[in-house]
N, C-alpha and C. Protein backbone atom coordinates (compact mmCIF):
# COMPACT_ATOMS: atom_id res chain seq x y z
N MET A 1 -3.13 -10.76 97.97
CA MET A 1 -3.47 -9.57 97.22
C MET A 1 -3.15 -9.84 95.75
N ASN A 2 -4.10 -9.59 94.90
CA ASN A 2 -3.87 -9.80 93.47
C ASN A 2 -3.30 -8.54 92.83
N ALA A 3 -3.05 -8.61 91.54
CA ALA A 3 -2.40 -7.50 90.83
C ALA A 3 -3.29 -6.25 90.80
N GLY A 4 -4.60 -6.45 90.66
CA GLY A 4 -5.51 -5.30 90.64
C GLY A 4 -5.53 -4.57 91.97
N GLN A 5 -5.56 -5.32 93.05
CA GLN A 5 -5.55 -4.70 94.38
C GLN A 5 -4.23 -3.98 94.64
N GLN A 6 -3.13 -4.60 94.23
CA GLN A 6 -1.82 -3.96 94.40
C GLN A 6 -1.75 -2.67 93.60
N HIS A 7 -2.33 -2.68 92.40
CA HIS A 7 -2.33 -1.48 91.58
C HIS A 7 -3.13 -0.36 92.24
N LEU A 8 -4.29 -0.71 92.80
CA LEU A 8 -5.10 0.30 93.50
C LEU A 8 -4.34 0.88 94.69
N LEU A 9 -3.64 0.02 95.41
CA LEU A 9 -2.84 0.50 96.55
C LEU A 9 -1.73 1.43 96.06
N ASP A 10 -1.07 1.07 94.97
CA ASP A 10 -0.02 1.92 94.41
C ASP A 10 -0.58 3.25 93.92
N LEU A 11 -1.78 3.21 93.33
CA LEU A 11 -2.42 4.46 92.90
C LEU A 11 -2.69 5.36 94.10
N TYR A 12 -3.19 4.79 95.18
CA TYR A 12 -3.48 5.56 96.39
C TYR A 12 -2.21 6.18 96.95
N ARG A 13 -1.15 5.38 97.04
CA ARG A 13 0.13 5.90 97.57
C ARG A 13 0.67 7.02 96.69
N ALA A 14 0.58 6.84 95.37
CA ALA A 14 1.08 7.87 94.45
C ALA A 14 0.27 9.15 94.60
N ALA A 15 -1.04 9.03 94.77
CA ALA A 15 -1.89 10.21 94.94
C ALA A 15 -1.55 10.92 96.25
N GLN A 16 -1.30 10.16 97.32
CA GLN A 16 -0.96 10.76 98.60
C GLN A 16 0.37 11.51 98.55
N ARG A 17 1.30 11.00 97.77
CA ARG A 17 2.64 11.58 97.69
C ARG A 17 2.76 12.62 96.57
N GLY A 18 1.72 12.73 95.74
CA GLY A 18 1.78 13.69 94.64
C GLY A 18 2.64 13.21 93.49
N GLU A 19 2.81 11.90 93.35
CA GLU A 19 3.63 11.33 92.29
C GLU A 19 2.75 10.92 91.11
N ALA A 20 3.39 10.58 90.01
CA ALA A 20 2.67 10.10 88.83
C ALA A 20 2.13 8.70 89.11
N ALA A 21 0.98 8.42 88.54
CA ALA A 21 0.36 7.11 88.74
C ALA A 21 1.14 6.03 88.01
N PRO A 22 1.30 4.86 88.61
CA PRO A 22 2.00 3.76 87.94
C PRO A 22 1.13 3.17 86.82
N PRO A 23 1.74 2.55 85.83
CA PRO A 23 0.95 1.96 84.75
C PRO A 23 0.13 0.78 85.26
N ALA A 24 -1.01 0.59 84.65
CA ALA A 24 -1.88 -0.52 85.05
C ALA A 24 -1.21 -1.85 84.70
N PRO A 25 -1.51 -2.90 85.45
CA PRO A 25 -0.91 -4.19 85.15
C PRO A 25 -1.40 -4.72 83.81
N GLY A 26 -0.49 -5.32 83.05
CA GLY A 26 -0.85 -5.91 81.77
C GLY A 26 -0.77 -4.99 80.58
N ILE A 27 -0.41 -3.73 80.79
CA ILE A 27 -0.38 -2.77 79.67
C ILE A 27 0.73 -3.11 78.69
N HIS A 28 1.88 -3.51 79.19
CA HIS A 28 3.03 -3.77 78.32
C HIS A 28 3.24 -5.26 78.05
N THR A 29 2.28 -6.09 78.39
CA THR A 29 2.45 -7.54 78.26
C THR A 29 2.62 -7.95 76.80
N VAL A 30 1.76 -7.46 75.93
CA VAL A 30 1.82 -7.84 74.51
C VAL A 30 3.13 -7.37 73.89
N ARG A 31 3.54 -6.16 74.20
CA ARG A 31 4.79 -5.64 73.66
C ARG A 31 5.98 -6.47 74.15
N THR A 32 5.96 -6.85 75.41
CA THR A 32 7.04 -7.65 75.97
C THR A 32 7.11 -9.02 75.30
N VAL A 33 5.97 -9.65 75.09
CA VAL A 33 5.95 -10.95 74.42
C VAL A 33 6.49 -10.83 73.00
N ARG A 34 6.11 -9.79 72.29
CA ARG A 34 6.62 -9.59 70.93
C ARG A 34 8.13 -9.37 70.92
N GLU A 35 8.64 -8.63 71.89
CA GLU A 35 10.08 -8.40 71.96
C GLU A 35 10.82 -9.70 72.26
N ILE A 36 10.25 -10.54 73.12
CA ILE A 36 10.88 -11.82 73.42
C ILE A 36 10.89 -12.71 72.18
N GLN A 37 9.78 -12.75 71.44
CA GLN A 37 9.73 -13.54 70.21
C GLN A 37 10.74 -13.03 69.20
N ARG A 38 10.82 -11.71 69.06
CA ARG A 38 11.79 -11.14 68.13
C ARG A 38 13.21 -11.51 68.54
N TRP A 39 13.51 -11.49 69.82
CA TRP A 39 14.84 -11.84 70.31
C TRP A 39 15.16 -13.31 69.99
N HIS A 40 14.20 -14.20 70.19
CA HIS A 40 14.43 -15.61 69.88
C HIS A 40 14.66 -15.83 68.39
N ARG A 41 13.92 -15.13 67.55
CA ARG A 41 14.13 -15.24 66.11
C ARG A 41 15.51 -14.73 65.73
N PHE A 42 15.92 -13.61 66.32
CA PHE A 42 17.24 -13.05 66.06
C PHE A 42 18.34 -14.03 66.47
N ARG A 43 18.20 -14.61 67.67
CA ARG A 43 19.21 -15.57 68.14
C ARG A 43 19.26 -16.80 67.23
N ALA A 44 18.14 -17.23 66.69
CA ALA A 44 18.11 -18.38 65.79
C ALA A 44 18.88 -18.08 64.51
N VAL A 45 18.85 -16.83 64.07
CA VAL A 45 19.53 -16.47 62.83
C VAL A 45 21.03 -16.32 63.06
N VAL A 46 21.43 -15.68 64.14
CA VAL A 46 22.86 -15.39 64.34
C VAL A 46 23.63 -16.50 65.04
N THR A 47 22.94 -17.48 65.61
CA THR A 47 23.62 -18.56 66.32
C THR A 47 24.09 -19.60 65.31
N ALA A 48 25.32 -20.04 65.47
CA ALA A 48 25.86 -21.07 64.59
C ALA A 48 25.08 -22.37 64.78
N PRO A 49 24.90 -23.15 63.72
CA PRO A 49 24.14 -24.40 63.84
C PRO A 49 24.69 -25.34 64.89
N ALA A 50 26.00 -25.34 65.10
CA ALA A 50 26.60 -26.23 66.09
C ALA A 50 26.25 -25.83 67.52
N ASP A 51 25.77 -24.60 67.71
CA ASP A 51 25.44 -24.13 69.05
C ASP A 51 23.98 -24.29 69.40
N HIS A 52 23.18 -24.84 68.49
CA HIS A 52 21.77 -25.07 68.81
C HIS A 52 21.66 -26.21 69.81
N LEU A 53 20.56 -26.29 70.52
CA LEU A 53 20.40 -27.23 71.62
C LEU A 53 20.64 -28.69 71.23
N PRO A 54 20.07 -29.23 70.14
CA PRO A 54 20.34 -30.64 69.83
C PRO A 54 21.82 -30.93 69.63
N SER A 55 22.54 -30.01 69.00
CA SER A 55 23.97 -30.20 68.80
C SER A 55 24.72 -30.16 70.12
N ARG A 56 24.32 -29.26 71.01
CA ARG A 56 24.98 -29.18 72.31
C ARG A 56 24.74 -30.44 73.12
N ILE A 57 23.52 -30.98 73.04
CA ILE A 57 23.21 -32.21 73.77
C ILE A 57 24.03 -33.36 73.21
N ARG A 58 24.08 -33.47 71.87
CA ARG A 58 24.88 -34.53 71.25
C ARG A 58 26.34 -34.43 71.67
N ARG A 59 26.89 -33.21 71.66
CA ARG A 59 28.28 -33.02 72.05
C ARG A 59 28.52 -33.42 73.50
N ALA A 60 27.58 -33.05 74.39
CA ALA A 60 27.73 -33.37 75.80
C ALA A 60 27.66 -34.88 76.03
N VAL A 61 26.74 -35.56 75.36
CA VAL A 61 26.63 -37.01 75.51
C VAL A 61 27.88 -37.68 74.97
N ARG A 62 28.36 -37.23 73.83
CA ARG A 62 29.56 -37.82 73.23
C ARG A 62 30.77 -37.64 74.14
N SER A 63 30.94 -36.44 74.71
CA SER A 63 32.11 -36.21 75.57
C SER A 63 31.99 -37.00 76.88
N ALA A 64 30.77 -37.13 77.40
CA ALA A 64 30.59 -37.93 78.61
C ALA A 64 30.88 -39.39 78.34
N ALA A 65 30.42 -39.90 77.21
CA ALA A 65 30.68 -41.29 76.86
C ALA A 65 32.18 -41.53 76.66
N THR A 66 32.85 -40.59 76.02
CA THR A 66 34.29 -40.72 75.82
C THR A 66 35.03 -40.72 77.15
N ALA A 67 34.63 -39.86 78.05
CA ALA A 67 35.28 -39.81 79.36
C ALA A 67 35.06 -41.12 80.12
N LEU A 68 33.86 -41.65 80.06
CA LEU A 68 33.60 -42.93 80.73
C LEU A 68 34.41 -44.06 80.11
N LEU A 69 34.52 -44.08 78.79
CA LEU A 69 35.30 -45.12 78.12
C LEU A 69 36.78 -45.00 78.48
N ARG A 70 37.28 -43.77 78.56
CA ARG A 70 38.69 -43.60 78.95
C ARG A 70 38.93 -44.08 80.36
N ARG A 71 38.01 -43.74 81.27
CA ARG A 71 38.17 -44.17 82.65
C ARG A 71 38.11 -45.70 82.75
N GLU A 72 37.20 -46.30 82.00
CA GLU A 72 37.08 -47.75 82.00
C GLU A 72 38.34 -48.39 81.42
N ALA A 73 38.87 -47.80 80.34
CA ALA A 73 40.07 -48.35 79.71
C ALA A 73 41.27 -48.24 80.65
N ARG A 74 41.35 -47.13 81.37
CA ARG A 74 42.46 -46.97 82.34
C ARG A 74 42.35 -47.99 83.46
N ALA A 75 41.14 -48.18 83.96
CA ALA A 75 40.94 -49.13 85.05
C ALA A 75 41.24 -50.55 84.58
N THR A 76 40.82 -50.91 83.39
CA THR A 76 41.07 -52.24 82.86
C THR A 76 42.55 -52.43 82.56
N GLY A 77 43.17 -51.44 81.97
CA GLY A 77 44.59 -51.51 81.64
C GLY A 77 45.46 -51.58 82.88
N ALA A 78 45.06 -50.88 83.93
CA ALA A 78 45.84 -50.88 85.17
C ALA A 78 45.77 -52.24 85.83
N ARG A 79 44.63 -52.91 85.74
CA ARG A 79 44.49 -54.24 86.36
C ARG A 79 45.27 -55.30 85.62
N GLU A 80 45.30 -55.20 84.29
CA GLU A 80 45.97 -56.21 83.48
C GLU A 80 47.45 -55.93 83.33
N GLY A 81 47.89 -54.74 83.68
CA GLY A 81 49.30 -54.40 83.55
C GLY A 81 49.67 -53.88 82.17
N ALA A 82 48.72 -53.80 81.25
CA ALA A 82 48.99 -53.30 79.91
C ALA A 82 48.55 -51.83 79.83
N PRO A 83 49.22 -51.03 79.04
CA PRO A 83 48.79 -49.62 78.90
C PRO A 83 47.46 -49.54 78.16
N ALA A 84 46.60 -48.67 78.64
CA ALA A 84 45.26 -48.49 78.03
C ALA A 84 45.38 -47.57 76.83
N ARG A 85 44.77 -47.97 75.71
CA ARG A 85 44.78 -47.14 74.51
C ARG A 85 43.39 -47.05 73.95
N LEU A 86 43.11 -45.89 73.41
CA LEU A 86 41.82 -45.68 72.75
C LEU A 86 42.11 -45.31 71.31
N SER A 87 41.33 -45.84 70.42
CA SER A 87 41.47 -45.43 69.02
C SER A 87 40.45 -44.34 68.74
N SER A 88 40.86 -43.29 68.10
CA SER A 88 39.94 -42.17 67.83
C SER A 88 39.30 -42.29 66.51
């Protein structure tokens, strides 16, 4: 059943029950898209530059690489008997 058929069925049910007719499909689509665009523009203005996606990806990669290096340094240091150290 597509949206038009569902709408006709809803119209029939509303008429049988004496209720108000539901809005036709697609009536609020343009308004909804505009509100979503406005929300994204607002978020772009109020979000700190460090919280934008490229910065978050860079931070995640850097922290993952650091964690892997620490684990590798610990494993290497434990095998050689020397304490593992990382320079920051």
